[in-house]
Protein backbone atom coordinates (compact mmCIF):
# COMPACT_ATOMS: atom_id res chain seq x y z
CA UNK A 1 -2.75 20.54 1.95
CA UNK A 2 -2.04 17.97 4.60
CA UNK A 3 -4.50 16.15 6.73
CA UNK A 4 -2.31 16.23 9.77
CA UNK A 5 0.14 18.94 10.95
CA UNK A 6 3.18 16.91 10.15
CA UNK A 7 5.09 18.13 7.17
CA UNK A 8 5.94 15.61 4.31
CA UNK A 9 8.52 15.87 1.68
CA UNK A 10 7.56 15.72 -2.03
CA UNK A 11 9.63 12.70 -2.78
CA UNK A 12 8.03 10.83 0.16
CA UNK A 13 4.61 11.68 -1.18
CA UNK A 14 5.50 10.10 -4.61
CA UNK A 15 6.86 7.06 -2.75
CA UNK A 16 3.63 6.53 -0.89
CA UNK A 17 1.52 7.14 -4.07
CA UNK A 18 3.42 4.61 -6.13
CA UNK A 19 3.29 2.06 -3.23
CA UNK A 20 -0.28 2.45 -2.71
CA UNK A 21 -0.89 2.22 -6.63
CA UNK A 22 1.02 -1.11 -6.43
CA UNK A 23 -0.96 -2.19 -3.42
CA UNK A 24 -4.35 -1.48 -5.18
CA UNK A 25 -3.14 -3.37 -8.38
CA UNK A 26 -1.77 -6.26 -6.54
CA UNK A 27 -5.11 -6.52 -4.72
CA UNK A 28 -7.14 -6.44 -7.80
CA UNK A 29 -4.88 -9.18 -9.41
CA UNK A 30 -5.20 -11.33 -6.18
CA UNK A 31 -8.97 -10.95 -5.92
CA UNK A 32 -9.50 -11.81 -9.69
CA UNK A 33 -7.18 -14.91 -9.37
CA UNK A 34 -8.95 -16.00 -6.14
CA UNK A 35 -12.43 -15.74 -7.64
CA UNK A 36 -11.30 -17.45 -10.82
CA UNK A 37 -9.79 -20.32 -8.76
CA UNK A 38 -6.45 -19.96 -10.34
CA UNK A 39 -3.03 -20.17 -8.75
CA UNK A 40 -3.15 -17.54 -6.08
CA UNK A 41 -0.12 -18.26 -4.10
CA UNK A 42 2.31 -15.80 -5.86
CA UNK A 43 -0.33 -13.19 -6.17
CA UNK A 44 -1.21 -13.40 -2.47
CA UNK A 45 2.29 -13.32 -1.34
CA UNK A 46 3.03 -10.21 -3.63
CA UNK A 47 -0.20 -8.51 -2.15
CA UNK A 48 0.82 -9.21 1.33
CA UNK A 49 4.23 -7.96 0.86
CA UNK A 50 3.08 -4.75 -0.86
CA UNK A 51 0.59 -4.24 2.03
CA UNK A 52 3.29 -4.67 4.63
CA UNK A 53 5.68 -2.32 3.06
CA UNK A 54 3.02 0.25 2.69
CA UNK A 55 2.09 0.25 6.37
CA UNK A 56 5.83 0.22 7.33
CA UNK A 57 6.47 3.32 5.29
CA UNK A 58 3.46 4.99 6.95
CA UNK A 59 4.48 4.03 10.36
CA UNK A 60 8.06 5.06 9.90
CA UNK A 61 7.62 8.33 7.77
CA UNK A 62 4.08 9.21 8.47
CA UNK A 63 1.82 10.24 11.36
CA UNK A 64 -0.22 7.90 13.50
CA UNK A 65 -3.36 9.51 12.04
CA UNK A 66 -2.13 8.62 8.52
CA UNK A 67 -2.92 4.92 9.41
CA UNK A 68 -6.62 5.81 9.75
CA UNK A 69 -7.01 6.48 6.08
């Protein structure tokens, strides 16, 4: 079942799922290191890259309403 009327392939769904899991994990690590006052540069850059790749994938392969949640 799709939220939008745009059809998505099964492989693309797994790509988005894996990318989103990585974004969430990188965000958790980044937040933990930020509040522990540890070296957050690498964690922050990794989180930013993962977030950018996620939104680029949604913008290229998804529908505009997929960006809303």
